[in-house]
Amino acid sequence: MNGQYILVNDVPTPEPDLKKWGMWFETADRRVALTQVGDSTVSTVFLALDHNFGGGTPILYETMVFGADDRDELMRRYATVEEAQEGHESVVKALIASQGEVDAAL
């Protein structure tokens, strides 16, 4: 297994065929959540590649912050979509606490 995954009915599924994986990746909606907090953007996505390079439980989701002075490019990774959704909300709440209110949820 090469660590490549696709979403089948929103469930991460190993895809050993690189060509099939690449075709899926080109058109897939991998976004879990996207929230604007002031001048910062919090983005959570399905990575489609296992980022647990040492083995073990696949790490397939990532939250990043863009545009926050001291938190720019803050990154958190997760194994499940539920962890990713909770992590996204946690980051959003932390930004709200430090910056004020959410301008718009995208």
N, C-alpha and C. Protein backbone atom coordinates (compact mmCIF):
# COMPACT_ATOMS: atom_id res chain seq x y z
N MET A 1 0.85 -1.20 0.00
CA MET A 1 0.00 0.00 0.00
C MET A 1 0.88 1.24 0.00
N ASN A 2 0.53 2.20 -0.83
CA ASN A 2 1.32 3.42 -0.98
C ASN A 2 0.85 4.56 -0.09
N GLY A 3 -0.21 4.35 0.69
CA GLY A 3 -0.71 5.42 1.54
C GLY A 3 -1.63 6.39 0.83
N GLN A 4 -2.15 6.00 -0.34
CA GLN A 4 -3.07 6.84 -1.11
C GLN A 4 -4.49 6.47 -0.74
N TYR A 5 -5.33 7.48 -0.51
CA TYR A 5 -6.72 7.26 -0.13
C TYR A 5 -7.63 8.12 -0.97
N ILE A 6 -8.83 7.63 -1.20
CA ILE A 6 -9.91 8.41 -1.80
C ILE A 6 -11.09 8.35 -0.84
N LEU A 7 -12.06 9.21 -1.05
CA LEU A 7 -13.29 9.16 -0.27
C LEU A 7 -14.36 8.44 -1.08
N VAL A 8 -14.90 7.37 -0.51
CA VAL A 8 -16.00 6.63 -1.11
C VAL A 8 -17.17 6.78 -0.15
N ASN A 9 -18.19 7.54 -0.57
CA ASN A 9 -19.31 7.87 0.31
C ASN A 9 -18.80 8.50 1.61
N ASP A 10 -17.84 9.41 1.48
CA ASP A 10 -17.22 10.15 2.60
C ASP A 10 -16.40 9.28 3.54
N VAL A 11 -16.08 8.05 3.13
CA VAL A 11 -15.25 7.15 3.95
C VAL A 11 -13.89 7.01 3.28
N PRO A 12 -12.79 7.32 4.03
CA PRO A 12 -11.45 7.14 3.45
C PRO A 12 -11.23 5.67 3.08
N THR A 13 -10.82 5.47 1.83
CA THR A 13 -10.66 4.13 1.30
C THR A 13 -9.31 4.04 0.59
N PRO A 14 -8.48 3.06 0.92
CA PRO A 14 -7.20 2.92 0.23
C PRO A 14 -7.40 2.76 -1.27
N GLU A 15 -6.55 3.44 -2.03
CA GLU A 15 -6.58 3.31 -3.50
C GLU A 15 -5.15 3.05 -3.98
N PRO A 16 -4.81 1.77 -4.19
CA PRO A 16 -3.44 1.43 -4.59
C PRO A 16 -3.08 1.83 -6.02
N ASP A 17 -4.07 2.03 -6.87
CA ASP A 17 -3.81 2.37 -8.27
C ASP A 17 -3.55 3.87 -8.37
N LEU A 18 -2.30 4.23 -8.64
CA LEU A 18 -1.91 5.65 -8.67
C LEU A 18 -2.69 6.44 -9.71
N LYS A 19 -2.95 5.84 -10.86
CA LYS A 19 -3.70 6.54 -11.91
C LYS A 19 -5.14 6.83 -11.45
N LYS A 20 -5.81 5.84 -10.86
CA LYS A 20 -7.16 6.06 -10.35
C LYS A 20 -7.16 7.10 -9.24
N TRP A 21 -6.17 7.00 -8.35
CA TRP A 21 -6.07 7.97 -7.26
C TRP A 21 -5.89 9.39 -7.83
N GLY A 22 -5.01 9.54 -8.79
CA GLY A 22 -4.74 10.85 -9.38
C GLY A 22 -5.97 11.43 -10.07
N MET A 23 -6.71 10.60 -10.77
CA MET A 23 -7.92 11.07 -11.44
C MET A 23 -8.95 11.52 -10.39
N TRP A 24 -9.07 10.76 -9.32
CA TRP A 24 -10.00 11.16 -8.25
C TRP A 24 -9.54 12.47 -7.62
N PHE A 25 -8.26 12.57 -7.33
CA PHE A 25 -7.70 13.74 -6.65
C PHE A 25 -7.93 15.02 -7.44
N GLU A 26 -7.84 14.95 -8.76
CA GLU A 26 -7.99 16.13 -9.61
C GLU A 26 -9.36 16.79 -9.49
N THR A 27 -10.39 16.02 -9.20
CA THR A 27 -11.75 16.58 -9.21
C THR A 27 -12.46 16.50 -7.87
N ALA A 28 -11.87 15.87 -6.89
CA ALA A 28 -12.54 15.64 -5.61
C ALA A 28 -12.70 16.92 -4.80
N ASP A 29 -13.82 17.01 -4.11
CA ASP A 29 -14.01 18.07 -3.12
C ASP A 29 -13.49 17.53 -1.80
N ARG A 30 -12.30 17.94 -1.42
CA ARG A 30 -11.66 17.42 -0.22
C ARG A 30 -11.86 18.32 1.00
N ARG A 31 -12.60 19.39 0.83
CA ARG A 31 -12.79 20.34 1.93
C ARG A 31 -13.70 19.76 3.01
N VAL A 32 -13.25 19.86 4.23
CA VAL A 32 -14.05 19.49 5.39
C VAL A 32 -14.72 20.73 5.95
N ALA A 33 -13.95 21.82 6.09
CA ALA A 33 -14.49 23.07 6.61
C ALA A 33 -13.57 24.22 6.22
N LEU A 34 -14.17 25.41 6.07
CA LEU A 34 -13.43 26.63 5.77
C LEU A 34 -14.13 27.77 6.48
N THR A 35 -13.38 28.46 7.35
CA THR A 35 -13.97 29.53 8.16
C THR A 35 -13.06 30.75 8.15
N GLN A 36 -13.64 31.91 7.95
CA GLN A 36 -12.91 33.17 8.01
C GLN A 36 -13.09 33.77 9.39
N VAL A 37 -11.99 34.11 10.06
CA VAL A 37 -12.02 34.77 11.36
C VAL A 37 -11.17 36.02 11.22
N GLY A 38 -11.83 37.17 11.13
CA GLY A 38 -11.08 38.41 10.90
C GLY A 38 -10.29 38.31 9.61
N ASP A 39 -8.98 38.53 9.71
CA ASP A 39 -8.10 38.43 8.54
C ASP A 39 -7.53 37.03 8.34
N SER A 40 -7.94 36.10 9.17
CA SER A 40 -7.41 34.74 9.13
C SER A 40 -8.40 33.78 8.48
N THR A 41 -7.86 32.77 7.83
CA THR A 41 -8.66 31.71 7.25
C THR A 41 -8.25 30.39 7.89
N VAL A 42 -9.25 29.63 8.34
CA VAL A 42 -9.02 28.30 8.89
C VAL A 42 -9.55 27.31 7.86
N SER A 43 -8.67 26.44 7.40
CA SER A 43 -9.01 25.48 6.36
C SER A 43 -8.73 24.07 6.86
N THR A 44 -9.72 23.18 6.70
CA THR A 44 -9.55 21.78 7.06
C THR A 44 -9.89 20.94 5.83
N VAL A 45 -8.97 20.04 5.47
CA VAL A 45 -9.13 19.25 4.26
C VAL A 45 -8.77 17.78 4.49
N PHE A 46 -9.28 16.95 3.59
CA PHE A 46 -8.87 15.55 3.48
C PHE A 46 -7.60 15.54 2.65
N LEU A 47 -6.49 15.02 3.19
CA LEU A 47 -5.21 15.07 2.50
C LEU A 47 -5.08 14.08 1.35
N ALA A 48 -5.73 12.94 1.46
CA ALA A 48 -5.71 11.88 0.46
C ALA A 48 -4.41 11.10 0.43
N LEU A 49 -3.47 11.48 1.28
CA LEU A 49 -2.22 10.74 1.47
C LEU A 49 -2.00 10.56 2.97
N ASP A 50 -1.59 9.38 3.37
CA ASP A 50 -1.32 9.12 4.78
C ASP A 50 -0.07 9.90 5.20
N HIS A 51 -0.25 10.79 6.18
CA HIS A 51 0.86 11.59 6.68
C HIS A 51 1.43 11.03 7.98
N ASN A 52 1.12 9.78 8.30
CA ASN A 52 1.73 9.10 9.44
C ASN A 52 2.86 8.25 8.87
N PHE A 53 3.93 8.91 8.54
CA PHE A 53 5.01 8.28 7.80
C PHE A 53 5.72 7.17 8.58
N GLY A 54 5.51 7.12 9.89
CA GLY A 54 6.14 6.09 10.70
C GLY A 54 5.30 4.84 10.84
N GLY A 55 4.14 4.79 10.17
CA GLY A 55 3.25 3.66 10.29
C GLY A 55 2.20 3.90 11.36
N GLY A 56 1.32 2.95 11.53
CA GLY A 56 0.25 3.10 12.51
C GLY A 56 -1.00 3.66 11.87
N THR A 57 -1.85 4.27 12.67
CA THR A 57 -3.11 4.82 12.20
C THR A 57 -2.86 5.89 11.14
N PRO A 58 -3.51 5.78 9.98
CA PRO A 58 -3.32 6.79 8.93
C PRO A 58 -3.75 8.18 9.41
N ILE A 59 -2.96 9.17 9.09
CA ILE A 59 -3.27 10.58 9.35
C ILE A 59 -3.69 11.17 8.01
N LEU A 60 -4.99 11.47 7.87
CA LEU A 60 -5.55 11.80 6.56
C LEU A 60 -6.19 13.18 6.46
N TYR A 61 -6.25 13.93 7.56
CA TYR A 61 -6.92 15.23 7.57
C TYR A 61 -5.98 16.27 8.17
N GLU A 62 -6.18 17.52 7.74
CA GLU A 62 -5.30 18.59 8.21
C GLU A 62 -6.07 19.91 8.33
N THR A 63 -5.81 20.62 9.41
CA THR A 63 -6.30 21.98 9.59
C THR A 63 -5.11 22.92 9.53
N MET A 64 -5.25 24.00 8.77
CA MET A 64 -4.21 25.04 8.72
C MET A 64 -4.85 26.40 8.88
N VAL A 65 -4.06 27.33 9.42
CA VAL A 65 -4.48 28.72 9.58
C VAL A 65 -3.60 29.56 8.67
N PHE A 66 -4.24 30.46 7.93
CA PHE A 66 -3.52 31.37 7.04
C PHE A 66 -3.91 32.81 7.39
N GLY A 67 -2.93 33.68 7.43
CA GLY A 67 -3.19 35.10 7.62
C GLY A 67 -3.24 35.57 9.06
N ALA A 68 -3.00 34.70 10.01
CA ALA A 68 -2.98 35.10 11.43
C ALA A 68 -1.52 35.36 11.79
N ASP A 69 -1.24 36.56 12.29
CA ASP A 69 0.15 36.95 12.53
C ASP A 69 0.97 35.88 13.23
N ASP A 70 0.62 35.57 14.46
CA ASP A 70 1.43 34.62 15.23
C ASP A 70 1.00 33.17 15.03
N ARG A 71 -0.11 32.97 14.36
CA ARG A 71 -0.59 31.60 14.13
C ARG A 71 -0.59 31.23 12.65
N ASP A 72 -0.03 32.09 11.80
CA ASP A 72 -0.01 31.80 10.38
C ASP A 72 0.67 30.46 10.13
N GLU A 73 0.03 29.66 9.35
CA GLU A 73 0.48 28.33 8.98
C GLU A 73 0.50 27.36 10.16
N LEU A 74 -0.24 27.68 11.24
CA LEU A 74 -0.44 26.71 12.30
C LEU A 74 -1.08 25.49 11.67
N MET A 75 -0.63 24.31 12.04
CA MET A 75 -1.14 23.10 11.41
C MET A 75 -1.43 22.05 12.47
N ARG A 76 -2.56 21.35 12.28
CA ARG A 76 -2.91 20.20 13.10
C ARG A 76 -3.39 19.10 12.16
N ARG A 77 -3.02 17.87 12.49
CA ARG A 77 -3.42 16.74 11.65
C ARG A 77 -4.20 15.71 12.47
N TYR A 78 -5.05 14.96 11.76
CA TYR A 78 -5.99 14.05 12.42
C TYR A 78 -6.16 12.76 11.63
N ALA A 79 -6.65 11.74 12.33
CA ALA A 79 -6.90 10.44 11.70
C ALA A 79 -8.31 10.33 11.13
N THR A 80 -9.28 10.98 11.76
CA THR A 80 -10.68 10.81 11.34
C THR A 80 -11.31 12.15 11.00
N VAL A 81 -12.39 12.09 10.24
CA VAL A 81 -13.12 13.31 9.89
C VAL A 81 -13.73 13.93 11.15
N GLU A 82 -14.15 13.10 12.09
CA GLU A 82 -14.72 13.65 13.33
C GLU A 82 -13.67 14.43 14.12
N GLU A 83 -12.45 13.89 14.21
CA GLU A 83 -11.35 14.62 14.86
C GLU A 83 -11.06 15.91 14.10
N ALA A 84 -11.09 15.84 12.78
CA ALA A 84 -10.81 17.03 11.96
C ALA A 84 -11.86 18.11 12.18
N GLN A 85 -13.13 17.72 12.24
CA GLN A 85 -14.20 18.70 12.47
C GLN A 85 -14.06 19.33 13.86
N GLU A 86 -13.78 18.51 14.87
CA GLU A 86 -13.58 19.03 16.22
C GLU A 86 -12.36 19.92 16.29
N GLY A 87 -11.28 19.50 15.64
CA GLY A 87 -10.06 20.31 15.61
C GLY A 87 -10.27 21.64 14.92
N HIS A 88 -11.01 21.63 13.82
CA HIS A 88 -11.32 22.86 13.10
C HIS A 88 -12.05 23.83 14.03
N GLU A 89 -13.08 23.34 14.68
CA GLU A 89 -13.86 24.19 15.59
C GLU A 89 -13.00 24.71 16.74
N SER A 90 -12.10 23.89 17.24
CA SER A 90 -11.21 24.30 18.32
C SER A 90 -10.29 25.45 17.88
N VAL A 91 -9.76 25.34 16.68
CA VAL A 91 -8.89 26.39 16.15
C VAL A 91 -9.69 27.67 15.92
N VAL A 92 -10.88 27.53 15.36
CA VAL A 92 -11.74 28.70 15.13
C VAL A 92 -12.04 29.39 16.46
N LYS A 93 -12.42 28.63 17.48
CA LYS A 93 -12.72 29.22 18.79
C LYS A 93 -11.51 29.94 19.38
N ALA A 94 -10.33 29.36 19.22
CA ALA A 94 -9.11 30.01 19.72
C ALA A 94 -8.85 31.32 19.00
N LEU A 95 -9.07 31.34 17.68
CA LEU A 95 -8.89 32.58 16.92
C LEU A 95 -9.91 33.63 17.31
N ILE A 96 -11.15 33.19 17.51
CA ILE A 96 -12.20 34.12 17.92
C ILE A 96 -11.82 34.75 19.26
N ALA A 97 -11.35 33.94 20.17
CA ALA A 97 -10.97 34.43 21.49
C ALA A 97 -9.83 35.44 21.40
N SER A 98 -8.92 35.26 20.43
CA SER A 98 -7.79 36.17 20.32
C SER A 98 -8.02 37.34 19.38
N GLN A 99 -8.99 37.22 18.44
CA GLN A 99 -9.20 38.27 17.44
C GLN A 99 -10.55 38.92 17.49
N GLY A 100 -11.51 38.32 18.10
CA GLY A 100 -12.85 38.88 18.06
C GLY A 100 -13.81 37.91 17.41
N GLU A 101 -14.71 38.42 16.63
CA GLU A 101 -15.79 37.60 16.10
C GLU A 101 -15.50 37.04 14.70
N VAL A 102 -16.24 36.06 14.33
CA VAL A 102 -16.14 35.48 12.99
C VAL A 102 -16.80 36.43 12.01
N ASP A 103 -16.08 36.81 10.96
CA ASP A 103 -16.65 37.70 9.95
C ASP A 103 -17.61 36.95 9.06
N ALA A 104 -17.24 35.75 8.67
CA ALA A 104 -18.12 34.96 7.78
C ALA A 104 -17.65 33.53 7.79
N ALA A 105 -18.59 32.62 7.79
CA ALA A 105 -18.27 31.21 7.62
C ALA A 105 -18.48 30.90 6.16
N LEU A 106 -17.46 30.33 5.54
CA LEU A 106 -17.52 30.04 4.11
C LEU A 106 -17.99 28.64 3.87
